[in-house]
């Protein structure tokens, strides 16, 4: 009971002053002239278009892109050229080669255009059917038959 301040009074029903929000410069300057405490807050998302990201979102997206993994390598153009020339020499269409290798024609098209991600099994099938080396150093070289001892 010794910490009680007997001189202070509490008025019941008295409203505290609420902060006044002003939107024009003349009211703001008038408050500054009278010596009132003036605080300005910038609204972060006011008037923004939600469909179009602001500068913060662009910075975050850039950080995300920096952390992404590089895309997998595509088939070399020389491999696609070798598949196409070997297929033409054997007089096969892309559809015929697809049937012989149990692949879709779009897979052959992707390999020949250089858009496919290399797969050793698929390239092995193409090598066997076409008789041309498609992996390693000598791409496009004719495969020899089994070595005779």
C-alpha atoms as a PDB file:
ATOM      1  CA  UNK A   1       0.000   0.000   0.000  1.00  0.00           C
ATOM      2  CA  UNK A   2       2.985   2.320   0.220  1.00  0.00           C
ATOM      3  CA  UNK A   3       3.277   2.722  -3.597  1.00  0.00           C
ATOM      4  CA  UNK A   4      -0.186   4.308  -4.019  1.00  0.00           C
ATOM      5  CA  UNK A   5      -0.251   7.776  -5.569  1.00  0.00           C
ATOM      6  CA  UNK A   6      -3.035   9.617  -3.701  1.00  0.00           C
ATOM      7  CA  UNK A   7      -2.717  12.833  -5.717  1.00  0.00           C
ATOM      8  CA  UNK A   8      -3.667  11.394  -9.158  1.00  0.00           C
ATOM      9  CA  UNK A   9      -7.254  11.282 -10.260  1.00  0.00           C
ATOM     10  CA  UNK A  10      -9.081   9.107 -12.785  1.00  0.00           C
ATOM     11  CA  UNK A  11     -11.985  10.618 -14.679  1.00  0.00           C
ATOM     12  CA  UNK A  12     -14.579   8.091 -15.683  1.00  0.00           C
ATOM     13  CA  UNK A  13     -16.191   8.627 -19.078  1.00  0.00           C
ATOM     14  CA  UNK A  14     -13.337  10.781 -20.436  1.00  0.00           C
ATOM     15  CA  UNK A  15     -12.184   9.761 -23.903  1.00  0.00           C
ATOM     16  CA  UNK A  16      -8.500   9.848 -24.695  1.00  0.00           C
ATOM     17  CA  UNK A  17      -7.439  11.846 -27.722  1.00  0.00           C
ATOM     18  CA  UNK A  18      -7.490   9.680 -30.808  1.00  0.00           C
ATOM     19  CA  UNK A  19      -4.823  10.181 -33.440  1.00  0.00           C
ATOM     20  CA  UNK A  20      -6.049  12.363 -36.260  1.00  0.00           C
ATOM     21  CA  UNK A  21      -5.451  11.134 -39.761  1.00  0.00           C
ATOM     22  CA  UNK A  22      -4.983  13.838 -42.339  1.00  0.00           C
ATOM     23  CA  UNK A  23      -4.726  13.443 -46.067  1.00  0.00           C
ATOM     24  CA  UNK A  24      -3.703  16.916 -47.170  1.00  0.00           C
ATOM     25  CA  UNK A  25      -0.495  18.881 -46.766  1.00  0.00           C
ATOM     26  CA  UNK A  26      -2.081  22.040 -45.245  1.00  0.00           C
ATOM     27  CA  UNK A  27      -3.389  20.195 -42.158  1.00  0.00           C
ATOM     28  CA  UNK A  28      -0.047  18.491 -41.759  1.00  0.00           C
ATOM     29  CA  UNK A  29       1.877  21.783 -41.953  1.00  0.00           C
ATOM     30  CA  UNK A  30      -0.558  23.418 -39.508  1.00  0.00           C
ATOM     31  CA  UNK A  31       0.071  20.664 -36.969  1.00  0.00           C
ATOM     32  CA  UNK A  32       3.814  21.115 -37.376  1.00  0.00           C
ATOM     33  CA  UNK A  33       3.493  24.902 -36.788  1.00  0.00           C
ATOM     34  CA  UNK A  34       1.595  24.387 -33.538  1.00  0.00           C
ATOM     35  CA  UNK A  35       4.262  21.993 -32.292  1.00  0.00           C
ATOM     36  CA  UNK A  36       2.111  18.882 -32.279  1.00  0.00           C
ATOM     37  CA  UNK A  37       3.747  15.494 -32.587  1.00  0.00           C
ATOM     38  CA  UNK A  38       3.518  14.446 -36.222  1.00  0.00           C
ATOM     39  CA  UNK A  39       4.161  10.919 -37.430  1.00  0.00           C
ATOM     40  CA  UNK A  40       3.899   9.843 -41.039  1.00  0.00           C
ATOM     41  CA  UNK A  41       3.418   6.244 -42.080  1.00  0.00           C
ATOM     42  CA  UNK A  42       3.722   5.113 -45.655  1.00  0.00           C
ATOM     43  CA  UNK A  43       1.216   2.456 -46.558  1.00  0.00           C
ATOM     44  CA  UNK A  44       3.020  -0.429 -48.195  1.00  0.00           C
ATOM     45  CA  UNK A  45       0.227  -1.975 -50.224  1.00  0.00           C
ATOM     46  CA  UNK A  46      -2.026   1.035 -50.767  1.00  0.00           C
ATOM     47  CA  UNK A  47      -3.182   1.557 -54.328  1.00  0.00           C
ATOM     48  CA  UNK A  48      -1.215  -1.373 -55.654  1.00  0.00           C
ATOM     49  CA  UNK A  49      -2.299  -3.692 -58.365  1.00  0.00           C
ATOM     50  CA  UNK A  50      -2.318  -7.190 -56.932  1.00  0.00           C
ATOM     51  CA  UNK A  51      -1.901  -8.797 -60.331  1.00  0.00           C
ATOM     52  CA  UNK A  52       1.303  -6.870 -60.977  1.00  0.00           C
ATOM     53  CA  UNK A  53       3.992  -7.603 -58.370  1.00  0.00           C
ATOM     54  CA  UNK A  54       5.765  -4.663 -56.776  1.00  0.00           C
ATOM     55  CA  UNK A  55       9.505  -4.196 -56.352  1.00  0.00           C
ATOM     56  CA  UNK A  56       9.642  -6.362 -53.210  1.00  0.00           C
ATOM     57  CA  UNK A  57       8.082  -9.282 -55.035  1.00  0.00           C
ATOM     58  CA  UNK A  58      10.469  -8.827 -57.945  1.00  0.00           C
ATOM     59  CA  UNK A  59      13.457  -8.925 -55.594  1.00  0.00           C
ATOM     60  CA  UNK A  60      12.163 -12.084 -53.905  1.00  0.00           C
ATOM     61  CA  UNK A  61      11.536 -13.741 -57.277  1.00  0.00           C
ATOM     62  CA  UNK A  62      15.091 -12.885 -58.333  1.00  0.00           C
ATOM     63  CA  UNK A  63      16.435 -14.512 -55.158  1.00  0.00           C
ATOM     64  CA  UNK A  64      14.363 -17.609 -55.907  1.00  0.00           C
ATOM     65  CA  UNK A  65      15.756 -17.807 -59.438  1.00  0.00           C
ATOM     66  CA  UNK A  66      19.329 -17.587 -58.127  1.00  0.00           C
ATOM     67  CA  UNK A  67      18.745 -20.647 -55.943  1.00  0.00           C
ATOM     68  CA  UNK A  68      17.254 -22.794 -58.689  1.00  0.00           C
ATOM     69  CA  UNK A  69      19.112 -25.735 -60.144  1.00  0.00           C
ATOM     70  CA  UNK A  70      20.332 -25.473 -63.731  1.00  0.00           C
ATOM     71  CA  UNK A  71      18.174 -27.321 -66.266  1.00  0.00           C
ATOM     72  CA  UNK A  72      19.409 -30.744 -67.343  1.00  0.00           C
ATOM     73  CA  UNK A  73      21.554 -30.869 -70.488  1.00  0.00           C
ATOM     74  CA  UNK A  74      19.897 -31.573 -73.822  1.00  0.00           C
ATOM     75  CA  UNK A  75      21.040 -34.013 -76.495  1.00  0.00           C
ATOM     76  CA  UNK A  76      23.896 -32.704 -78.619  1.00  0.00           C
ATOM     77  CA  UNK A  77      22.948 -31.626 -82.156  1.00  0.00           C
ATOM     78  CA  UNK A  78      25.456 -34.110 -83.613  1.00  0.00           C
ATOM     79  CA  UNK A  79      23.531 -36.984 -81.998  1.00  0.00           C
ATOM     80  CA  UNK A  80      20.279 -35.807 -83.598  1.00  0.00           C
ATOM     81  CA  UNK A  81      21.995 -35.463 -86.974  1.00  0.00           C
ATOM     82  CA  UNK A  82      23.497 -38.964 -86.649  1.00  0.00           C
ATOM     83  CA  UNK A  83      20.099 -40.486 -85.797  1.00  0.00           C
ATOM     84  CA  UNK A  84      18.477 -38.744 -88.735  1.00  0.00           C
ATOM     85  CA  UNK A  85      21.128 -39.737 -91.315  1.00  0.00           C
ATOM     86  CA  UNK A  86      21.242 -43.364 -90.110  1.00  0.00           C
ATOM     87  CA  UNK A  87      17.454 -43.547 -90.182  1.00  0.00           C
ATOM     88  CA  UNK A  88      17.385 -42.187 -93.742  1.00  0.00           C
ATOM     89  CA  UNK A  89      20.070 -44.681 -94.863  1.00  0.00           C
ATOM     90  CA  UNK A  90      17.946 -47.550 -93.537  1.00  0.00           C
ATOM     91  CA  UNK A  91      14.882 -45.945 -95.179  1.00  0.00           C
ATOM     92  CA  UNK A  92      12.957 -45.779 -91.915  1.00  0.00           C
ATOM     93  CA  UNK A  93      10.433 -43.122 -90.974  1.00  0.00           C
ATOM     94  CA  UNK A  94      10.298 -41.720 -87.470  1.00  0.00           C
ATOM     95  CA  UNK A  95       7.167 -43.804 -86.905  1.00  0.00           C
ATOM     96  CA  UNK A  96       8.951 -47.017 -88.053  1.00  0.00           C
ATOM     97  CA  UNK A  97      11.905 -46.342 -85.750  1.00  0.00           C
ATOM     98  CA  UNK A  98       9.502 -45.617 -82.904  1.00  0.00           C
ATOM     99  CA  UNK A  99       7.754 -48.956 -83.396  1.00  0.00           C
ATOM    100  CA  UNK A 100      11.047 -50.881 -83.530  1.00  0.00           C
ATOM    101  CA  UNK A 101      12.325 -49.245 -80.329  1.00  0.00           C
ATOM    102  CA  UNK A 102       8.975 -49.243 -78.474  1.00  0.00           C
ATOM    103  CA  UNK A 103       9.117 -45.456 -78.116  1.00  0.00           C
ATOM    104  CA  UNK A 104       6.694 -42.739 -79.153  1.00  0.00           C
ATOM    105  CA  UNK A 105       7.334 -40.904 -82.434  1.00  0.00           C
ATOM    106  CA  UNK A 106       7.584 -37.677 -80.431  1.00  0.00           C
ATOM    107  CA  UNK A 107      10.621 -39.122 -78.607  1.00  0.00           C
ATOM    108  CA  UNK A 108      12.436 -39.681 -81.919  1.00  0.00           C
ATOM    109  CA  UNK A 109      11.435 -36.192 -83.022  1.00  0.00           C
ATOM    110  CA  UNK A 110      12.811 -34.689 -79.784  1.00  0.00           C
ATOM    111  CA  UNK A 111      16.122 -36.563 -80.135  1.00  0.00           C
ATOM    112  CA  UNK A 112      16.552 -35.531 -83.762  1.00  0.00           C
ATOM    113  CA  UNK A 113      15.763 -31.873 -83.016  1.00  0.00           C
ATOM    114  CA  UNK A 114      18.054 -31.812 -79.951  1.00  0.00           C
ATOM    115  CA  UNK A 115      15.291 -31.067 -77.431  1.00  0.00           C
ATOM    116  CA  UNK A 116      15.410 -34.387 -75.552  1.00  0.00           C
ATOM    117  CA  UNK A 117      17.210 -35.066 -72.292  1.00  0.00           C
ATOM    118  CA  UNK A 118      19.666 -37.894 -73.013  1.00  0.00           C
ATOM    119  CA  UNK A 119      18.689 -41.334 -71.752  1.00  0.00           C
ATOM    120  CA  UNK A 120      21.261 -44.131 -72.064  1.00  0.00           C
ATOM    121  CA  UNK A 121      18.602 -46.828 -72.534  1.00  0.00           C
ATOM    122  CA  UNK A 122      16.858 -45.008 -75.369  1.00  0.00           C
ATOM    123  CA  UNK A 123      20.171 -44.171 -77.056  1.00  0.00           C
ATOM    124  CA  UNK A 124      21.179 -47.836 -76.710  1.00  0.00           C
ATOM    125  CA  UNK A 125      17.994 -48.913 -78.509  1.00  0.00           C
ATOM    126  CA  UNK A 126      18.671 -46.431 -81.305  1.00  0.00           C
ATOM    127  CA  UNK A 127      22.274 -47.676 -81.624  1.00  0.00           C
ATOM    128  CA  UNK A 128      21.138 -51.281 -81.893  1.00  0.00           C
ATOM    129  CA  UNK A 129      18.433 -50.615 -84.511  1.00  0.00           C
ATOM    130  CA  UNK A 130      20.358 -48.070 -86.590  1.00  0.00           C
ATOM    131  CA  UNK A 131      23.816 -49.619 -86.260  1.00  0.00           C
ATOM    132  CA  UNK A 132      25.405 -46.246 -85.490  1.00  0.00           C
ATOM    133  CA  UNK A 133      27.296 -45.103 -82.413  1.00  0.00           C
ATOM    134  CA  UNK A 134      25.369 -42.369 -80.574  1.00  0.00           C
ATOM    135  CA  UNK A 135      27.240 -42.214 -77.251  1.00  0.00           C
ATOM    136  CA  UNK A 136      30.851 -41.430 -76.468  1.00  0.00           C
ATOM    137  CA  UNK A 137      33.519 -39.919 -78.697  1.00  0.00           C
ATOM    138  CA  UNK A 138      32.804 -41.314 -82.182  1.00  0.00           C
ATOM    139  CA  UNK A 139      29.181 -40.205 -82.639  1.00  0.00           C
ATOM    140  CA  UNK A 140      27.828 -41.185 -86.048  1.00  0.00           C
ATOM    141  CA  UNK A 141      30.412 -43.938 -86.660  1.00  0.00           C
ATOM    142  CA  UNK A 142      29.082 -47.297 -87.915  1.00  0.00           C
ATOM    143  CA  UNK A 143      28.980 -49.997 -85.287  1.00  0.00           C
ATOM    144  CA  UNK A 144      30.947 -53.136 -86.037  1.00  0.00           C
ATOM    145  CA  UNK A 145      29.469 -56.518 -85.324  1.00  0.00           C
ATOM    146  CA  UNK A 146      30.552 -58.659 -82.401  1.00  0.00           C
ATOM    147  CA  UNK A 147      34.311 -59.106 -82.179  1.00  0.00           C
ATOM    148  CA  UNK A 148      35.481 -62.471 -83.475  1.00  0.00           C
ATOM    149  CA  UNK A 149      38.160 -64.228 -81.513  1.00  0.00           C
END
